[in-house]
């Protein structure tokens, strides 16, 4: 038996007989029967010239799909041999097209992390979990800046339970996605349209979570002052304040409205928070009478918004969103005052830390409230410490005597 010769591709026997092409061997192309078929005692058949094919279209087709011969249409079980040979040529040629871009496995891992675990950590309970698990990723498919935000927070979540080397890698991946999310949101922040609202709202909240989580995970709150660190959080999160203020009312009436509704099943803070706010307002008035340079109006505005936030939490509002809203509502001057460690500014900040305390079960909040209250307590003298008695009662934290 003659030895089998390798097949060089469709070009080497494009005009060979059907049997040789089917066997993928080189055809001698002898007429009327090639030497290979003759030696094997096989029927040898050649493709007729293209011009003689009865099914060749007379005009150029707009479709890139070749037409089927009548025999193939009439009898699917008996496909015309000439058509089969041309189809094989077509398929072999198509294999030379470069393959599609491979899937990004790293990003898929982060998306799986979001849809299985991370979404729960930003949900107050089961009533809103479906929004974070299904609605938000769907919006992210339409808005890349939100997708980057989701992937950034998921990478940070994975870093929490990872070993040192892998943990550092996830943190760097998280930072990279966060930078792209910030850039993407910045491009549309001045020209928001209705189809941006849900994505911009959810990304703004995700970015604030990221701002609290990153220092906690990287250990910055250990090496730096919690007051200085919370000051940086305020500055970074307030950059998206204009976005939230422009879209919150619209979101309240849309698909994400449950995120802004009250939940009567949520653990409530004691009603004594109203008494605490009244005490702060009275103290502010007393300080203004003693010192004409006291920033009474700044503090009045700050205390008013803090009172609203504490009241919303006590009535079962979404603690996370309430906590973040206060950051946007306080005057910029107040943020500068607590950075300078003005005692009354620190007292108000300690009251805000009670809201942070109710978020401590979340991996991204951790022990922020404890560290912040302890530093404030250590900075205040005995007289000022009396002003945060309610804070210590509400959190059960202990501050050692000075």
Protein backbone atom coordinates (compact mmCIF):
# COMPACT_ATOMS: atom_id res chain seq x y z
CA UNK A 1 0.00 0.00 0.00
CA UNK A 2 1.39 3.45 -0.87
CA UNK A 3 2.48 5.52 2.10
CA UNK A 4 0.13 8.32 3.25
CA UNK A 5 1.41 11.76 2.41
CA UNK A 6 0.78 14.74 4.63
CA UNK A 7 -1.86 17.25 3.63
CA UNK A 8 -0.50 20.76 3.14
CA UNK A 9 -3.81 22.61 3.48
CA UNK A 10 -6.61 23.52 1.11
CA UNK A 11 -4.27 25.13 -1.41
CA UNK A 12 -2.26 21.93 -2.11
CA UNK A 13 -5.18 19.99 -3.66
CA UNK A 14 -7.89 22.58 -4.11
CA UNK A 15 -8.72 21.04 -7.48
CA UNK A 16 -8.21 17.42 -6.40
CA UNK A 17 -10.90 14.78 -6.32
CA UNK A 18 -13.49 14.61 -3.57
CA UNK A 19 -12.12 11.34 -2.16
CA UNK A 20 -8.58 12.71 -1.69
CA UNK A 21 -9.91 15.88 -0.16
CA UNK A 22 -12.08 13.91 2.23
CA UNK A 23 -9.07 11.75 3.20
CA UNK A 24 -6.91 14.91 3.42
CA UNK A 25 -4.15 13.54 1.18
CA UNK A 26 -2.48 15.04 -1.86
CA UNK A 27 -4.30 14.24 -5.09
CA UNK A 28 -2.45 13.46 -8.34
CA UNK A 29 -5.38 15.07 -10.24
CA UNK A 30 -5.15 12.51 -13.10
CA UNK A 31 -8.25 12.37 -15.30
CA UNK A 32 -10.67 10.69 -15.32
CA UNK A 33 -9.41 8.84 -12.20
CA UNK A 34 -6.52 9.88 -9.97
CA UNK A 35 -3.74 7.40 -9.16
CA UNK A 36 -4.71 7.26 -5.47
CA UNK A 37 -8.33 6.27 -6.16
CA UNK A 38 -7.20 3.89 -8.89
CA UNK A 39 -4.84 2.05 -6.51
CA UNK A 40 -7.59 1.77 -3.90
CA UNK A 41 -10.27 0.82 -6.45
CA UNK A 42 -12.40 3.80 -5.37
CA UNK A 43 -14.81 5.93 -7.33
CA UNK A 44 -13.06 9.16 -8.29
CA UNK A 45 -15.13 12.32 -8.68
CA UNK A 46 -14.06 15.89 -9.30
CA UNK A 47 -15.87 19.18 -8.56
CA UNK A 48 -17.34 20.52 -11.76
CA UNK A 49 -16.22 23.98 -12.91
CA UNK A 50 -17.91 26.73 -10.93
CA UNK A 51 -19.53 28.16 -14.06
CA UNK A 52 -21.31 24.86 -14.66
CA UNK A 53 -22.90 24.66 -11.19
CA UNK A 54 -26.69 25.06 -11.58
CA UNK A 55 -27.04 26.82 -8.21
CA UNK A 56 -24.44 29.57 -8.76
CA UNK A 57 -26.13 32.98 -8.22
CA UNK A 58 -26.21 35.19 -11.29
CA UNK A 59 -25.75 38.35 -9.22
CA UNK A 60 -23.50 39.06 -6.27
CA UNK A 61 -25.28 38.37 -2.99
CA UNK A 62 -25.29 40.94 -0.17
CA UNK A 63 -24.98 38.11 2.34
CA UNK A 64 -21.64 36.60 3.28
CA UNK A 65 -23.29 33.19 3.80
CA UNK A 66 -22.99 30.87 0.75
CA UNK A 67 -26.23 29.71 -0.85
CA UNK A 68 -27.30 26.10 -0.48
CA UNK A 69 -27.63 23.93 -3.59
CA UNK A 70 -31.15 22.77 -4.44
CA UNK A 71 -30.18 19.17 -3.74
CA UNK A 72 -29.21 20.07 -0.17
CA UNK A 73 -32.47 21.92 0.34
CA UNK A 74 -34.62 19.21 -1.14
CA UNK A 75 -32.87 16.32 0.57
CA UNK A 76 -31.04 17.22 3.81
CA UNK A 77 -29.88 13.63 4.24
CA UNK A 78 -28.01 13.62 0.93
CA UNK A 79 -25.85 16.73 0.69
CA UNK A 80 -24.39 17.52 -2.74
CA UNK A 81 -20.72 16.44 -2.85
CA UNK A 82 -19.64 19.61 -4.67
CA UNK A 83 -21.28 21.78 -2.04
CA UNK A 84 -19.68 19.72 0.74
CA UNK A 85 -16.22 20.23 -0.74
CA UNK A 86 -16.71 23.99 -1.07
CA UNK A 87 -18.08 24.14 2.48
CA UNK A 88 -14.96 22.37 3.75
CA UNK A 89 -12.80 24.93 1.95
CA UNK A 90 -14.80 27.72 3.54
CA UNK A 91 -14.45 26.28 7.04
CA UNK A 92 -10.72 25.61 6.66
CA UNK A 93 -10.15 29.19 5.55
CA UNK A 94 -12.18 30.54 8.50
CA UNK A 95 -9.88 28.76 10.95
CA UNK A 96 -7.10 31.19 10.01
CA UNK A 97 -9.05 34.07 11.68
CA UNK A 98 -7.38 35.07 15.01
CA UNK A 99 -9.30 33.83 18.09
CA UNK A 100 -11.35 36.27 20.16
CA UNK A 101 -9.75 38.02 23.15
CA UNK A 102 -9.49 35.75 26.15
CA UNK A 103 -11.65 36.30 29.22
CA UNK A 104 -10.18 38.35 32.05
CA UNK A 105 -10.17 35.71 34.76
CA UNK A 106 -9.10 38.17 37.45
CA UNK A 107 -12.08 40.43 36.86
CA UNK A 108 -14.41 37.43 36.68
CA UNK A 109 -13.13 36.30 40.07
CA UNK A 110 -13.93 39.73 41.51
CA UNK A 111 -17.40 39.72 39.98
CA UNK A 112 -18.12 36.28 41.45
CA UNK A 113 -16.92 37.62 44.80
CA UNK A 114 -19.40 40.49 44.55
CA UNK A 115 -22.36 38.32 43.54
CA UNK A 116 -21.73 35.70 46.24
CA UNK A 117 -20.36 37.59 49.25
CA UNK A 118 -19.52 41.29 48.96
CA UNK A 119 -23.02 42.41 48.06
CA UNK A 120 -24.25 41.12 51.42
CA UNK A 121 -21.75 43.28 53.29
CA UNK A 122 -23.30 46.47 51.91
CA UNK A 123 -26.91 45.34 52.47
CA UNK A 124 -28.65 46.15 55.73
CA UNK A 125 -30.74 42.95 55.51
CA UNK A 126 -32.44 40.56 53.12
CA UNK A 127 -35.01 43.10 51.93
CA UNK A 128 -32.41 45.04 49.93
CA UNK A 129 -29.93 42.26 49.14
CA UNK A 130 -31.52 41.61 45.74
CA UNK A 131 -30.84 45.22 44.76
CA UNK A 132 -27.12 44.98 45.51
CA UNK A 133 -26.82 41.48 44.04
CA UNK A 134 -28.84 41.85 40.84
CA UNK A 135 -29.86 45.43 40.09
CA UNK A 136 -26.49 47.04 40.79
CA UNK A 137 -24.46 44.56 38.65
CA UNK A 138 -26.97 45.05 35.84
CA UNK A 139 -26.39 48.80 36.03
CA UNK A 140 -22.64 48.13 36.07
CA UNK A 141 -22.92 46.33 32.72
CA UNK A 142 -24.18 49.61 31.27
CA UNK A 143 -21.80 51.91 33.14
CA UNK A 144 -18.11 50.90 33.28
CA UNK A 145 -17.34 53.37 36.09
CA UNK A 146 -19.74 51.48 38.37
CA UNK A 147 -18.24 48.15 37.29
CA UNK A 148 -14.80 49.39 38.35
CA UNK A 149 -16.25 50.41 41.72
CA UNK A 150 -17.78 46.96 42.25
CA UNK A 151 -14.52 45.23 41.34
CA UNK A 152 -12.53 47.58 43.58
CA UNK A 153 -14.60 46.79 46.65
CA UNK A 154 -14.66 43.06 45.87
CA UNK A 155 -10.87 42.99 45.62
CA UNK A 156 -10.59 44.76 48.95
CA UNK A 157 -13.00 42.24 50.48
CA UNK A 158 -10.86 39.36 49.19
CA UNK A 159 -7.79 41.02 50.68
CA UNK A 160 -9.28 40.78 54.18
CA UNK A 161 -9.05 36.98 54.33
CA UNK A 162 -5.89 36.53 52.22
CA UNK A 163 -2.29 35.86 53.18
CA UNK A 164 0.18 38.74 53.09
CA UNK A 165 1.48 38.39 49.52
CA UNK A 166 -1.91 37.72 47.97
CA UNK A 167 -3.45 40.36 50.22
CA UNK A 168 -1.07 43.01 48.87
CA UNK A 169 -1.90 41.98 45.30
CA UNK A 170 -5.64 42.32 45.90
CA UNK A 171 -5.11 45.73 47.49
CA UNK A 172 -3.18 46.97 44.45
CA UNK A 173 -5.84 45.59 42.09
CA UNK A 174 -8.48 47.28 44.22
CA UNK A 175 -6.71 50.64 44.07
CA UNK A 176 -6.36 50.40 40.29
CA UNK A 177 -10.08 49.76 39.80
CA UNK A 178 -10.94 52.51 42.25
CA UNK A 179 -8.87 55.04 40.30
CA UNK A 180 -10.71 54.14 37.11
CA UNK A 181 -14.06 54.41 38.89
CA UNK A 182 -13.19 57.91 40.13
CA UNK A 183 -12.09 59.01 36.66
CA UNK A 184 -15.22 57.59 35.07
CA UNK A 185 -17.56 59.23 37.55
CA UNK A 186 -15.71 62.52 37.18
CA UNK A 187 -16.32 62.55 33.44
CA UNK A 188 -20.10 62.56 33.86
CA UNK A 189 -20.48 64.36 37.20
CA UNK A 190 -21.15 67.70 35.54
CA UNK A 191 -23.52 66.35 32.91
CA UNK A 192 -25.61 63.66 34.58
CA UNK A 193 -28.58 62.31 32.65
CA UNK A 194 -31.47 60.19 33.99
CA UNK A 195 -29.92 56.92 32.83
CA UNK A 196 -26.82 57.73 34.95
CA UNK A 197 -28.68 58.26 38.24
CA UNK A 198 -28.79 54.72 39.64
CA UNK A 199 -25.19 53.99 38.69
CA UNK A 200 -23.90 57.30 40.06
CA UNK A 201 -25.80 56.87 43.32
CA UNK A 202 -24.58 53.34 43.99
CA UNK A 203 -21.00 54.12 42.99
CA UNK A 204 -20.93 57.12 45.34
CA UNK A 205 -21.90 54.85 48.23
CA UNK A 206 -19.42 52.17 47.18
CA UNK A 207 -16.65 54.77 47.02
CA UNK A 208 -17.44 55.91 50.56
CA UNK A 209 -17.31 52.33 51.80
CA UNK A 210 -13.97 52.00 50.05
CA UNK A 211 -12.69 55.13 51.82
CA UNK A 212 -13.48 53.60 55.23
CA UNK A 213 -12.25 50.11 54.32
CA UNK A 214 -8.86 50.90 52.80
CA UNK A 215 -7.23 52.48 55.90
CA UNK A 216 -8.62 49.70 58.11
CA UNK A 217 -7.29 46.92 55.87
CA UNK A 218 -3.90 48.47 55.13
CA UNK A 219 -3.35 49.29 58.80
CA UNK A 220 -3.20 53.05 58.36
CA UNK A 221 -5.46 53.58 61.36
CA UNK A 222 -2.83 51.86 63.48
CA UNK A 223 0.07 54.03 62.37
CA UNK A 224 -1.89 57.27 62.04
CA UNK A 225 -4.27 59.22 64.22
CA UNK A 226 -7.90 58.10 63.70
CA UNK A 227 -8.95 61.77 63.74
CA UNK A 228 -6.52 62.60 60.95
CA UNK A 229 -7.62 59.52 59.04
CA UNK A 230 -11.32 60.34 59.35
CA UNK A 231 -10.48 63.83 58.15
CA UNK A 232 -9.03 62.30 54.97
CA UNK A 233 -12.13 60.14 54.58
CA UNK A 234 -14.33 63.22 54.82
CA UNK A 235 -12.31 65.05 52.18
CA UNK A 236 -12.20 62.13 49.74
CA UNK A 237 -15.87 61.19 50.05
CA UNK A 238 -17.15 64.75 49.80
CA UNK A 239 -15.85 64.85 46.23
CA UNK A 240 -18.91 62.87 45.17
CA UNK A 241 -21.27 64.99 47.25
CA UNK A 242 -22.56 66.96 44.27
CA UNK A 243 -23.44 63.70 42.52
CA UNK A 244 -25.50 62.41 45.45
CA UNK A 245 -27.29 65.69 46.01
CA UNK A 246 -28.35 65.77 42.35
CA UNK A 247 -29.61 62.19 42.07
CA UNK A 248 -30.94 61.17 45.51
CA UNK A 249 -34.47 62.51 44.96
CA UNK A 250 -34.70 60.77 41.59
CA UNK A 251 -33.38 57.50 43.01
CA UNK A 252 -35.94 57.73 45.81
CA UNK A 253 -38.71 57.26 43.26
CA UNK A 254 -37.02 54.58 41.18
CA UNK A 255 -35.76 51.03 41.30
CA UNK A 256 -33.40 51.72 44.22
CA UNK A 257 -36.01 53.38 46.43
CA UNK A 258 -35.85 50.62 49.05
CA UNK A 259 -32.31 51.71 49.90
CA UNK A 260 -33.72 55.02 51.13
CA UNK A 261 -36.74 53.66 52.98
CA UNK A 262 -37.00 52.95 56.71
CA UNK A 263 -36.82 49.44 58.04
CA UNK A 264 -38.85 48.90 61.20
CA UNK A 265 -37.10 45.56 61.79
CA UNK A 266 -33.69 47.23 62.05
CA UNK A 267 -32.26 47.51 65.59
CA UNK A 268 -33.01 51.01 66.83
CA UNK A 269 -30.87 53.41 68.75
CA UNK A 270 -32.30 54.66 72.06
CA UNK A 271 -34.54 57.72 71.90
CA UNK A 272 -32.09 59.40 74.25
CA UNK A 273 -30.21 60.49 71.12
CA UNK A 274 -32.64 63.43 70.94
CA UNK A 275 -31.69 64.45 74.45
CA UNK A 276 -28.03 64.23 73.45
CA UNK A 277 -28.63 66.57 70.52
CA UNK A 278 -30.49 69.01 72.75
CA UNK A 279 -27.53 68.98 75.16
CA UNK A 280 -25.12 69.73 72.29
CA UNK A 281 -27.27 72.62 71.09
CA UNK A 282 -27.43 74.06 74.61
CA UNK A 283 -23.69 73.71 75.08
CA UNK A 284 -23.12 75.50 71.76
CA UNK A 285 -25.26 78.42 72.91
CA UNK A 286 -23.39 78.63 76.22
CA UNK A 287 -20.01 78.61 74.46
CA UNK A 288 -21.14 81.39 72.12
CA UNK A 289 -22.11 83.59 75.08
CA UNK A 290 -18.69 83.13 76.63
CA UNK A 291 -16.65 83.54 73.45
CA UNK A 292 -17.66 86.00 70.71
CA UNK A 293 -15.33 84.18 68.28
CA UNK A 294 -17.04 80.83 68.80
CA UNK A 295 -18.27 79.38 65.47
CA UNK A 296 -21.88 79.10 66.66
CA UNK A 297 -23.53 79.06 63.22
CA UNK A 298 -21.16 76.39 61.91
CA UNK A 299 -21.81 74.20 64.93
CA UNK A 300 -25.58 74.82 64.85
CA UNK A 301 -25.71 73.58 61.26
CA UNK A 302 -23.55 70.58 62.08
CA UNK A 303 -25.61 69.62 65.14
CA UNK A 304 -28.87 70.00 63.24
CA UNK A 305 -27.81 67.55 60.54
CA UNK A 306 -26.39 65.15 63.13
CA UNK A 307 -29.74 65.21 64.91
CA UNK A 308 -31.50 64.28 61.67
CA UNK A 309 -29.07 61.42 61.08
CA UNK A 310 -29.42 60.01 64.58
CA UNK A 311 -33.18 60.25 64.32
CA UNK A 312 -33.21 58.36 61.00
CA UNK A 313 -31.06 55.59 62.44
CA UNK A 314 -33.30 55.32 65.52
CA UNK A 315 -36.34 54.94 63.24
CA UNK A 316 -34.76 52.15 61.19
CA UNK A 317 -33.18 54.08 58.34
CA UNK A 318 -30.38 52.61 56.24
CA UNK A 319 -27.48 53.18 58.64
CA UNK A 320 -24.83 53.18 55.93
CA UNK A 321 -26.52 55.79 53.78
CA UNK A 322 -27.45 57.91 56.81
CA UNK A 323 -23.86 57.84 58.00
CA UNK A 324 -22.54 58.95 54.65
CA UNK A 325 -25.12 61.68 54.14
CA UNK A 326 -23.93 63.51 57.26
CA UNK A 327 -20.42 63.69 55.82
CA UNK A 328 -21.79 65.69 52.89
CA UNK A 329 -24.09 67.87 54.96
CA UNK A 330 -21.64 69.32 57.48
CA UNK A 331 -19.99 72.66 56.64
CA UNK A 332 -16.42 72.52 55.36
CA UNK A 333 -15.44 74.79 58.23
CA UNK A 334 -16.49 72.14 60.76
CA UNK A 335 -14.20 69.57 59.14
CA UNK A 336 -11.31 71.98 59.55
CA UNK A 337 -12.24 72.60 63.18
CA UNK A 338 -12.11 68.94 64.19
CA UNK A 339 -8.85 68.54 62.26
CA UNK A 340 -7.42 71.27 64.51
CA UNK A 341 -8.71 69.33 67.56
CA UNK A 342 -11.10 72.03 68.69
CA UNK A 343 -12.72 70.38 71.77
CA UNK A 344 -16.34 71.06 70.86
CA UNK A 345 -15.77 69.86 67.28
CA UNK A 346 -14.33 66.62 68.67
CA UNK A 347 -17.31 66.20 71.01
CA UNK A 348 -19.68 66.36 68.02
CA UNK A 349 -17.48 63.96 66.07
CA UNK A 350 -17.67 61.50 68.98
CA UNK A 351 -21.48 61.62 68.74
CA UNK A 352 -21.23 60.83 65.03
CA UNK A 353 -19.02 57.85 65.89
CA UNK A 354 -22.07 56.26 67.53
CA UNK A 355 -23.55 55.82 64.05
CA UNK A 356 -20.26 54.28 62.94
CA UNK A 357 -20.54 51.96 65.95
CA UNK A 358 -23.78 50.52 64.52
CA UNK A 359 -21.86 49.63 61.34
CA UNK A 360 -19.01 47.83 63.13
CA UNK A 361 -20.27 44.37 62.09
CA UNK A 362 -19.31 45.16 58.50
CA UNK A 363 -15.80 44.16 57.46
CA UNK A 364 -15.26 47.56 55.85
CA UNK A 365 -16.03 49.53 59.03
CA UNK A 366 -14.34 47.39 61.65
CA UNK A 367 -13.20 49.20 64.79
CA UNK A 368 -13.31 52.72 63.40
CA UNK A 369 -15.73 53.96 66.07
CA UNK A 370 -13.76 52.50 68.99
CA UNK A 371 -10.45 53.96 67.83
CA UNK A 372 -12.00 57.35 67.09
CA UNK A 373 -13.86 57.66 70.40
CA UNK A 374 -10.83 56.54 72.37
CA UNK A 375 -8.58 59.12 70.75
CA UNK A 376 -11.15 61.88 71.26
CA UNK A 377 -11.61 60.85 74.90
CA UNK A 378 -7.89 60.91 75.54
CA UNK A 379 -7.58 64.35 73.97
CA UNK A 380 -10.39 65.93 76.03
CA UNK A 381 -9.89 67.08 79.60
CA UNK A 382 -12.18 66.06 82.47
CA UNK A 383 -14.75 68.84 81.89
CA UNK A 384 -15.10 68.11 78.18
CA UNK A 385 -15.36 64.36 78.80
CA UNK A 386 -18.65 64.96 80.56
CA UNK A 387 -19.99 66.06 77.18
CA UNK A 388 -19.53 62.58 75.68
CA UNK A 389 -21.19 60.61 78.49
CA UNK A 390 -24.07 59.67 76.18
CA UNK A 391 -21.57 58.43 73.59
CA UNK A 392 -19.95 56.05 76.08
CA UNK A 393 -23.34 54.84 77.31
CA UNK A 394 -24.57 54.16 73.75
CA UNK A 395 -21.43 52.24 72.72
CA UNK A 396 -20.35 50.70 76.06
CA UNK A 397 -16.81 51.88 75.34
CA UNK A 398 -14.45 52.71 78.14
CA UNK A 399 -11.92 55.53 78.17
CA UNK A 400 -9.21 55.30 80.83
CA UNK A 401 -8.91 58.31 83.15
CA UNK A 402 -6.46 61.00 82.11
